[in-house]
Amino acid sequence: MATAPDPDRSPVRHRATTVERLVPDSAMTATLLDRVEEFLRMLAGAERCLGADRSLPPPIAHGATLEALHRVRTAIWPQLHVIAGTDGPRMVTPHGVRLHSPLRVVRLRSDDLDVLDAAVQVCSLALITGPAVGSQHAEDLAVVLDEVGRRSGYRPPAATRVIAPLSRLCVVLTLADDDDTRSLRTAISLAPSPADDVELTLAQEIAYQRFFGRLIAQLADDDNPLSSRA
């Protein structure tokens, strides 16, 4: 006769913590996701070539960063109406004067964002220090990044740009929460349905302008992706 499982012996299931993020529904977001996946696949392929007894440093090792990206992409991609070639719900300035580039509220796992950000840090360190960085994992990563950069058409010091898509994606997904982001998320959530346009109030219009100003200012550092991540 089957017995009921002992709750004290059942494995503890931890629910991943999630956060809401504002993501531009734009070709930029779609392109970043594509380019980061291509980059991480190249790293995974290079790691396989190292042999069974060697690997790249965490969180890149064994495809962990690629797995995190896949979960992020799965959450974001259905929200990108630009991919489907449709307008989707629009953001309208006060009194319907003109249209804004739309923002979507996306719920993402905090640990996935941490993994992507840690990958930027690890890659940045490897690019700065080069092959002689002390550990076999880090040395292998420095060599792999140099090879990936050359395969992508970059030459030192421009090879540092090989991590620019990953760095820029992290900027988009980890922009600090503030009153502006909370105001905009509230505006989107109060739409009668997900298909309805969002008409901004004057205060929300100001929040929208500040949000994009902050985002653009941080993305502007793309010419030197190591400067804010090293």
C-alpha atoms as a PDB file:
ATOM      1  CA  MET A   1       0.000   0.000   0.000  1.00  0.00           C
ATOM      2  CA  ALA A   2       1.403   3.368  -1.017  1.00  0.00           C
ATOM      3  CA  THR A   3       2.204   5.756   1.786  1.00  0.00           C
ATOM      4  CA  ALA A   4       1.949   9.517   1.697  1.00  0.00           C
ATOM      5  CA  PRO A   5       5.273  11.285   1.210  1.00  0.00           C
ATOM      6  CA  ASP A   6       6.863  12.602   4.363  1.00  0.00           C
ATOM      7  CA  PRO A   7       6.842  16.422   4.019  1.00  0.00           C
ATOM      8  CA  ASP A   8      10.010  16.589   6.113  1.00  0.00           C
ATOM      9  CA  ARG A   9      11.812  14.446   3.517  1.00  0.00           C
ATOM     10  CA  SER A  10      10.473  16.245   0.454  1.00  0.00           C
ATOM     11  CA  PRO A  11      13.023  18.344  -1.418  1.00  0.00           C
ATOM     12  CA  VAL A  12      12.708  22.058  -0.826  1.00  0.00           C
ATOM     13  CA  ARG A  13      11.599  23.865  -3.982  1.00  0.00           C
ATOM     14  CA  HIS A  14      12.850  27.415  -4.267  1.00  0.00           C
ATOM     15  CA  ARG A  15      10.840  29.702  -6.512  1.00  0.00           C
ATOM     16  CA  ALA A  16      13.120  32.015  -8.471  1.00  0.00           C
ATOM     17  CA  THR A  17      12.780  35.685  -7.552  1.00  0.00           C
ATOM     18  CA  THR A  18      11.506  37.777 -10.445  1.00  0.00           C
ATOM     19  CA  VAL A  19      11.585  41.468 -11.281  1.00  0.00           C
ATOM     20  CA  GLU A  20       9.629  43.614 -13.708  1.00  0.00           C
ATOM     21  CA  ARG A  21      11.624  45.463 -16.323  1.00  0.00           C
ATOM     22  CA  LEU A  22      10.716  48.008 -18.990  1.00  0.00           C
ATOM     23  CA  VAL A  23      11.963  46.787 -22.360  1.00  0.00           C
ATOM     24  CA  PRO A  24      11.779  48.846 -25.577  1.00  0.00           C
ATOM     25  CA  ASP A  25       9.677  47.130 -28.242  1.00  0.00           C
ATOM     26  CA  SER A  26      12.215  47.905 -30.931  1.00  0.00           C
ATOM     27  CA  ALA A  27      14.562  46.400 -33.481  1.00  0.00           C
ATOM     28  CA  MET A  28      17.409  47.327 -31.129  1.00  0.00           C
ATOM     29  CA  THR A  29      16.174  44.893 -28.470  1.00  0.00           C
ATOM     30  CA  ALA A  30      15.649  42.095 -30.995  1.00  0.00           C
ATOM     31  CA  THR A  31      19.090  42.662 -32.537  1.00  0.00           C
ATOM     32  CA  LEU A  32      20.813  42.642 -29.141  1.00  0.00           C
ATOM     33  CA  LEU A  33      19.156  39.345 -28.209  1.00  0.00           C
ATOM     34  CA  ASP A  34      20.240  37.802 -31.533  1.00  0.00           C
ATOM     35  CA  ARG A  35      23.817  39.068 -31.311  1.00  0.00           C
ATOM     36  CA  VAL A  36      24.265  38.008 -27.696  1.00  0.00           C
ATOM     37  CA  GLU A  37      22.986  34.509 -28.475  1.00  0.00           C
ATOM     38  CA  GLU A  38      25.384  34.265 -31.422  1.00  0.00           C
ATOM     39  CA  PHE A  39      28.279  35.403 -29.198  1.00  0.00           C
ATOM     40  CA  LEU A  40      27.454  32.954 -26.390  1.00  0.00           C
ATOM     41  CA  ARG A  41      27.076  30.082 -28.880  1.00  0.00           C
ATOM     42  CA  MET A  42      30.545  30.880 -30.202  1.00  0.00           C
ATOM     43  CA  LEU A  43      31.920  30.733 -26.640  1.00  0.00           C
ATOM     44  CA  ALA A  44      30.148  27.411 -26.026  1.00  0.00           C
ATOM     45  CA  GLY A  45      31.629  25.973 -29.223  1.00  0.00           C
ATOM     46  CA  ALA A  46      35.100  27.161 -28.287  1.00  0.00           C
ATOM     47  CA  GLU A  47      34.752  25.647 -24.809  1.00  0.00           C
ATOM     48  CA  ARG A  48      33.938  22.240 -26.311  1.00  0.00           C
ATOM     49  CA  CYS A  49      37.182  22.439 -28.280  1.00  0.00           C
ATOM     50  CA  LEU A  50      39.208  22.858 -25.063  1.00  0.00           C
ATOM     51  CA  GLY A  51      38.750  19.212 -24.132  1.00  0.00           C
ATOM     52  CA  ALA A  52      36.913  17.340 -21.410  1.00  0.00           C
ATOM     53  CA  ASP A  53      39.262  18.384 -18.609  1.00  0.00           C
ATOM     54  CA  ARG A  54      39.074  22.140 -19.236  1.00  0.00           C
ATOM     55  CA  SER A  55      36.326  24.738 -19.229  1.00  0.00           C
ATOM     56  CA  LEU A  56      35.756  28.474 -19.322  1.00  0.00           C
ATOM     57  CA  PRO A  57      35.234  30.285 -15.995  1.00  0.00           C
ATOM     58  CA  PRO A  58      31.775  30.555 -14.426  1.00  0.00           C
ATOM     59  CA  PRO A  59      29.169  31.716 -15.192  1.00  0.00           C
ATOM     60  CA  ILE A  60      30.115  31.062 -18.832  1.00  0.00           C
ATOM     61  CA  ALA A  61      31.198  27.462 -18.206  1.00  0.00           C
ATOM     62  CA  HIS A  62      28.987  24.660 -19.488  1.00  0.00           C
ATOM     63  CA  GLY A  63      26.562  27.038 -21.209  1.00  0.00           C
ATOM     64  CA  ALA A  64      25.128  28.541 -18.003  1.00  0.00           C
ATOM     65  CA  THR A  65      25.043  32.072 -19.439  1.00  0.00           C
ATOM     66  CA  LEU A  66      23.469  30.803 -22.653  1.00  0.00           C
ATOM     67  CA  GLU A  67      20.746  29.052 -20.635  1.00  0.00           C
ATOM     68  CA  ALA A  68      20.045  32.277 -18.723  1.00  0.00           C
ATOM     69  CA  LEU A  69      19.817  34.183 -22.008  1.00  0.00           C
ATOM     70  CA  HIS A  70      17.341  31.648 -23.393  1.00  0.00           C
ATOM     71  CA  ARG A  71      15.023  32.194 -20.428  1.00  0.00           C
ATOM     72  CA  VAL A  72      15.329  35.971 -20.826  1.00  0.00           C
ATOM     73  CA  ARG A  73      14.673  35.712 -24.550  1.00  0.00           C
ATOM     74  CA  THR A  74      11.640  33.469 -23.997  1.00  0.00           C
ATOM     75  CA  ALA A  75      10.149  36.124 -21.700  1.00  0.00           C
ATOM     76  CA  ILE A  76      10.894  39.098 -23.977  1.00  0.00           C
ATOM     77  CA  TRP A  77      10.414  37.800 -27.525  1.00  0.00           C
ATOM     78  CA  PRO A  78       6.591  37.426 -27.465  1.00  0.00           C
ATOM     79  CA  GLN A  79       6.342  41.066 -26.311  1.00  0.00           C
ATOM     80  CA  LEU A  80       8.249  42.397 -29.327  1.00  0.00           C
ATOM     81  CA  HIS A  81       5.530  43.309 -31.785  1.00  0.00           C
ATOM     82  CA  VAL A  82       8.221  44.737 -34.047  1.00  0.00           C
ATOM     83  CA  ILE A  83       9.225  41.126 -34.794  1.00  0.00           C
ATOM     84  CA  ALA A  84       5.726  40.260 -35.977  1.00  0.00           C
ATOM     85  CA  GLY A  85       5.571  43.399 -38.094  1.00  0.00           C
ATOM     86  CA  THR A  86       2.586  44.746 -36.149  1.00  0.00           C
ATOM     87  CA  ASP A  87       2.248  47.973 -34.186  1.00  0.00           C
ATOM     88  CA  GLY A  88       0.959  46.386 -30.999  1.00  0.00           C
ATOM     89  CA  PRO A  89      -0.221  48.633 -28.176  1.00  0.00           C
ATOM     90  CA  ARG A  90       1.269  52.093 -28.661  1.00  0.00           C
ATOM     91  CA  MET A  91       2.341  54.787 -26.209  1.00  0.00           C
ATOM     92  CA  VAL A  92       0.680  58.108 -26.957  1.00  0.00           C
ATOM     93  CA  THR A  93       1.752  61.531 -25.714  1.00  0.00           C
ATOM     94  CA  PRO A  94      -0.752  63.612 -23.718  1.00  0.00           C
ATOM     95  CA  HIS A  95      -3.858  64.485 -25.759  1.00  0.00           C
ATOM     96  CA  GLY A  96      -2.771  62.092 -28.513  1.00  0.00           C
ATOM     97  CA  VAL A  97      -0.387  64.564 -30.145  1.00  0.00           C
ATOM     98  CA  ARG A  98       2.128  61.946 -31.306  1.00  0.00           C
ATOM     99  CA  LEU A  99       3.309  58.369 -30.783  1.00  0.00           C
ATOM    100  CA  HIS A 100       6.261  57.172 -28.731  1.00  0.00           C
ATOM    101  CA  SER A 101       8.413  54.090 -29.214  1.00  0.00           C
ATOM    102  CA  PRO A 102       6.514  51.575 -27.078  1.00  0.00           C
ATOM    103  CA  LEU A 103       7.766  50.010 -23.863  1.00  0.00           C
ATOM    104  CA  ARG A 104       6.738  46.563 -22.639  1.00  0.00           C
ATOM    105  CA  VAL A 105       6.659  45.339 -19.052  1.00  0.00           C
ATOM    106  CA  VAL A 106       8.510  42.022 -18.877  1.00  0.00           C
ATOM    107  CA  ARG A 107       8.984  39.817 -15.823  1.00  0.00           C
ATOM    108  CA  LEU A 108      12.476  38.305 -15.652  1.00  0.00           C
ATOM    109  CA  ARG A 109      14.313  36.083 -13.202  1.00  0.00           C
ATOM    110  CA  SER A 110      16.730  38.019 -11.010  1.00  0.00           C
ATOM    111  CA  ASP A 111      19.276  35.208 -11.068  1.00  0.00           C
ATOM    112  CA  ASP A 112      19.326  35.247 -14.877  1.00  0.00           C
ATOM    113  CA  LEU A 113      20.092  38.976 -14.872  1.00  0.00           C
ATOM    114  CA  ASP A 114      22.838  38.349 -12.301  1.00  0.00           C
ATOM    115  CA  VAL A 115      24.363  35.656 -14.525  1.00  0.00           C
ATOM    116  CA  LEU A 116      24.380  37.913 -17.602  1.00  0.00           C
ATOM    117  CA  ASP A 117      25.945  40.762 -15.645  1.00  0.00           C
ATOM    118  CA  ALA A 118      28.569  38.446 -14.118  1.00  0.00           C
ATOM    119  CA  ALA A 119      29.439  37.203 -17.616  1.00  0.00           C
ATOM    120  CA  VAL A 120      30.151  40.789 -18.679  1.00  0.00           C
ATOM    121  CA  GLN A 121      32.412  41.245 -15.662  1.00  0.00           C
ATOM    122  CA  VAL A 122      34.333  38.030 -16.314  1.00  0.00           C
ATOM    123  CA  CYS A 123      34.779  38.788 -20.027  1.00  0.00           C
ATOM    124  CA  SER A 124      35.841  42.360 -19.282  1.00  0.00           C
ATOM    125  CA  LEU A 125      38.521  41.179 -16.861  1.00  0.00           C
ATOM    126  CA  ALA A 126      39.832  38.634 -19.375  1.00  0.00           C
ATOM    127  CA  LEU A 127      40.043  41.273 -22.114  1.00  0.00           C
ATOM    128  CA  ILE A 128      41.837  43.734 -19.843  1.00  0.00           C
ATOM    129  CA  THR A 129      44.404  41.335 -18.414  1.00  0.00           C
ATOM    130  CA  GLY A 130      44.925  39.079 -21.427  1.00  0.00           C
ATOM    131  CA  PRO A 131      46.079  35.436 -21.317  1.00  0.00           C
ATOM    132  CA  ALA A 132      48.387  35.861 -18.306  1.00  0.00           C
ATOM    133  CA  VAL A 133      45.612  36.218 -15.709  1.00  0.00           C
ATOM    134  CA  GLY A 134      46.546  33.528 -13.200  1.00  0.00           C
ATOM    135  CA  SER A 135      44.008  30.711 -13.640  1.00  0.00           C
ATOM    136  CA  GLN A 136      43.658  28.243 -16.496  1.00  0.00           C
ATOM    137  CA  HIS A 137      39.924  29.034 -16.816  1.00  0.00           C
ATOM    138  CA  ALA A 138      40.546  32.769 -17.173  1.00  0.00           C
ATOM    139  CA  GLU A 139      43.510  32.302 -19.497  1.00  0.00           C
ATOM    140  CA  ASP A 140      41.412  30.085 -21.764  1.00  0.00           C
ATOM    141  CA  LEU A 141      38.657  32.713 -21.814  1.00  0.00           C
ATOM    142  CA  ALA A 142      41.116  35.450 -22.803  1.00  0.00           C
ATOM    143  CA  VAL A 143      42.381  33.345 -25.707  1.00  0.00           C
ATOM    144  CA  VAL A 144      38.845  32.376 -26.767  1.00  0.00           C
ATOM    145  CA  LEU A 145      37.635  36.002 -26.685  1.00  0.00           C
ATOM    146  CA  ASP A 146      40.589  37.073 -28.804  1.00  0.00           C
ATOM    147  CA  GLU A 147      39.785  34.351 -31.334  1.00  0.00           C
ATOM    148  CA  VAL A 148      36.060  35.189 -31.346  1.00  0.00           C
ATOM    149  CA  GLY A 149      36.921  38.853 -31.834  1.00  0.00           C
ATOM    150  CA  ARG A 150      39.186  38.078 -34.784  1.00  0.00           C
ATOM    151  CA  ARG A 151      36.568  35.762 -36.306  1.00  0.00           C
ATOM    152  CA  SER A 152      34.061  38.629 -35.997  1.00  0.00           C
ATOM    153  CA  GLY A 153      36.415  40.951 -37.847  1.00  0.00           C
ATOM    154  CA  TYR A 154      37.751  42.889 -34.852  1.00  0.00           C
ATOM    155  CA  ARG A 155      41.426  43.574 -34.169  1.00  0.00           C
ATOM    156  CA  PRO A 156      42.988  44.738 -30.908  1.00  0.00           C
ATOM    157  CA  PRO A 157      42.067  47.055 -29.284  1.00  0.00           C
ATOM    158  CA  ALA A 158      38.767  46.944 -31.191  1.00  0.00           C
ATOM    159  CA  ALA A 159      38.442  43.280 -30.139  1.00  0.00           C
ATOM    160  CA  THR A 160      36.978  44.580 -26.872  1.00  0.00           C
ATOM    161  CA  ARG A 161      33.840  45.326 -28.868  1.00  0.00           C
ATOM    162  CA  VAL A 162      33.111  41.612 -29.069  1.00  0.00           C
ATOM    163  CA  ILE A 163      31.375  41.852 -25.673  1.00  0.00           C
ATOM    164  CA  ALA A 164      29.548  45.105 -26.518  1.00  0.00           C
ATOM    165  CA  PRO A 165      26.190  43.414 -27.351  1.00  0.00           C
ATOM    166  CA  LEU A 166      26.193  41.541 -24.031  1.00  0.00           C
ATOM    167  CA  SER A 167      27.170  44.702 -22.149  1.00  0.00           C
ATOM    168  CA  ARG A 168      24.449  46.737 -23.887  1.00  0.00           C
ATOM    169  CA  LEU A 169      21.784  44.083 -23.262  1.00  0.00           C
ATOM    170  CA  CYS A 170      22.658  44.165 -19.557  1.00  0.00           C
ATOM    171  CA  VAL A 171      22.266  47.957 -19.589  1.00  0.00           C
ATOM    172  CA  VAL A 172      18.765  47.618 -21.065  1.00  0.00           C
ATOM    173  CA  LEU A 173      17.701  44.877 -18.649  1.00  0.00           C
ATOM    174  CA  THR A 174      19.271  46.160 -15.426  1.00  0.00           C
ATOM    175  CA  LEU A 175      18.596  49.890 -15.607  1.00  0.00           C
ATOM    176  CA  ALA A 176      17.998  50.899 -11.997  1.00  0.00           C
ATOM    177  CA  ASP A 177      14.383  51.097 -10.899  1.00  0.00           C
ATOM    178  CA  ASP A 178      13.183  54.572  -9.893  1.00  0.00           C
ATOM    179  CA  ASP A 179      10.038  56.702  -9.720  1.00  0.00           C
ATOM    180  CA  ASP A 180      10.040  57.082 -13.518  1.00  0.00           C
ATOM    181  CA  THR A 181      10.112  53.348 -14.248  1.00  0.00           C
ATOM    182  CA  ARG A 182       7.448  52.696 -11.611  1.00  0.00           C
ATOM    183  CA  SER A 183       5.249  55.444 -13.056  1.00  0.00           C
ATOM    184  CA  LEU A 184       5.539  54.015 -16.570  1.00  0.00           C
ATOM    185  CA  ARG A 185       4.847  50.451 -15.446  1.00  0.00           C
ATOM    186  CA  THR A 186       1.749  51.707 -13.663  1.00  0.00           C
ATOM    187  CA  ALA A 187       0.574  53.501 -16.804  1.00  0.00           C
ATOM    188  CA  ILE A 188       0.982  50.332 -18.873  1.00  0.00           C
ATOM    189  CA  SER A 189      -0.720  48.136 -16.263  1.00  0.00           C
ATOM    190  CA  LEU A 190      -3.753  50.454 -16.100  1.00  0.00           C
ATOM    191  CA  ALA A 191      -4.551  50.064 -19.798  1.00  0.00           C
ATOM    192  CA  PRO A 192      -7.999  48.442 -20.172  1.00  0.00           C
ATOM    193  CA  SER A 193      -6.424  45.496 -21.993  1.00  0.00           C
ATOM    194  CA  PRO A 194      -2.930  44.512 -23.187  1.00  0.00           C
ATOM    195  CA  ALA A 195      -3.993  45.409 -26.742  1.00  0.00           C
ATOM    196  CA  ASP A 196      -5.014  48.992 -25.882  1.00  0.00           C
ATOM    197  CA  ASP A 197      -2.831  52.038 -26.465  1.00  0.00           C
ATOM    198  CA  VAL A 198      -1.412  53.797 -23.408  1.00  0.00           C
ATOM    199  CA  GLU A 199      -2.075  57.539 -23.319  1.00  0.00           C
ATOM    200  CA  LEU A 200       0.446  59.165 -21.018  1.00  0.00           C
ATOM    201  CA  THR A 201      -0.311  61.951 -18.585  1.00  0.00           C
ATOM    202  CA  LEU A 202       1.995  64.955 -18.547  1.00  0.00           C
ATOM    203  CA  ALA A 203       3.870  63.536 -15.545  1.00  0.00           C
ATOM    204  CA  GLN A 204       4.232  60.161 -17.284  1.00  0.00           C
ATOM    205  CA  GLU A 205       5.422  61.890 -20.452  1.00  0.00           C
ATOM    206  CA  ILE A 206       8.202  63.540 -18.440  1.00  0.00           C
ATOM    207  CA  ALA A 207       9.027  60.159 -16.867  1.00  0.00           C
ATOM    208  CA  TYR A 208       9.203  58.600 -20.344  1.00  0.00           C
ATOM    209  CA  GLN A 209      11.641  61.259 -21.575  1.00  0.00           C
ATOM    210  CA  ARG A 210      13.835  60.863 -18.489  1.00  0.00           C
ATOM    211  CA  PHE A 211      13.795  57.066 -18.784  1.00  0.00           C
ATOM    212  CA  PHE A 212      15.000  57.100 -22.383  1.00  0.00           C
ATOM    213  CA  GLY A 213      17.492  59.854 -21.631  1.00  0.00           C
ATOM    214  CA  ARG A 214      18.997  57.694 -18.902  1.00  0.00           C
ATOM    215  CA  LEU A 215      18.998  54.594 -21.115  1.00  0.00           C
ATOM    216  CA  ILE A 216      20.598  56.363 -24.080  1.00  0.00           C
ATOM    217  CA  ALA A 217      23.268  57.930 -21.867  1.00  0.00           C
ATOM    218  CA  GLN A 218      24.330  54.499 -20.600  1.00  0.00           C
ATOM    219  CA  LEU A 219      24.185  52.872 -24.036  1.00  0.00           C
ATOM    220  CA  ALA A 220      26.357  55.663 -25.439  1.00  0.00           C
ATOM    221  CA  ASP A 221      29.384  54.012 -23.820  1.00  0.00           C
ATOM    222  CA  ASP A 222      29.232  51.206 -26.401  1.00  0.00           C
ATOM    223  CA  ASP A 223      32.450  52.457 -28.052  1.00  0.00           C
ATOM    224  CA  ASN A 224      34.295  51.428 -24.893  1.00  0.00           C
ATOM    225  CA  PRO A 225      32.324  48.581 -23.289  1.00  0.00           C
ATOM    226  CA  LEU A 226      34.992  47.993 -20.644  1.00  0.00           C
ATOM    227  CA  SER A 227      34.891  51.468 -19.147  1.00  0.00           C
ATOM    228  CA  SER A 228      31.865  50.932 -16.886  1.00  0.00           C
ATOM    229  CA  ARG A 229      32.176  47.155 -16.456  1.00  0.00           C
ATOM    230  CA  ALA A 230      35.796  46.597 -15.642  1.00  0.00           C
END
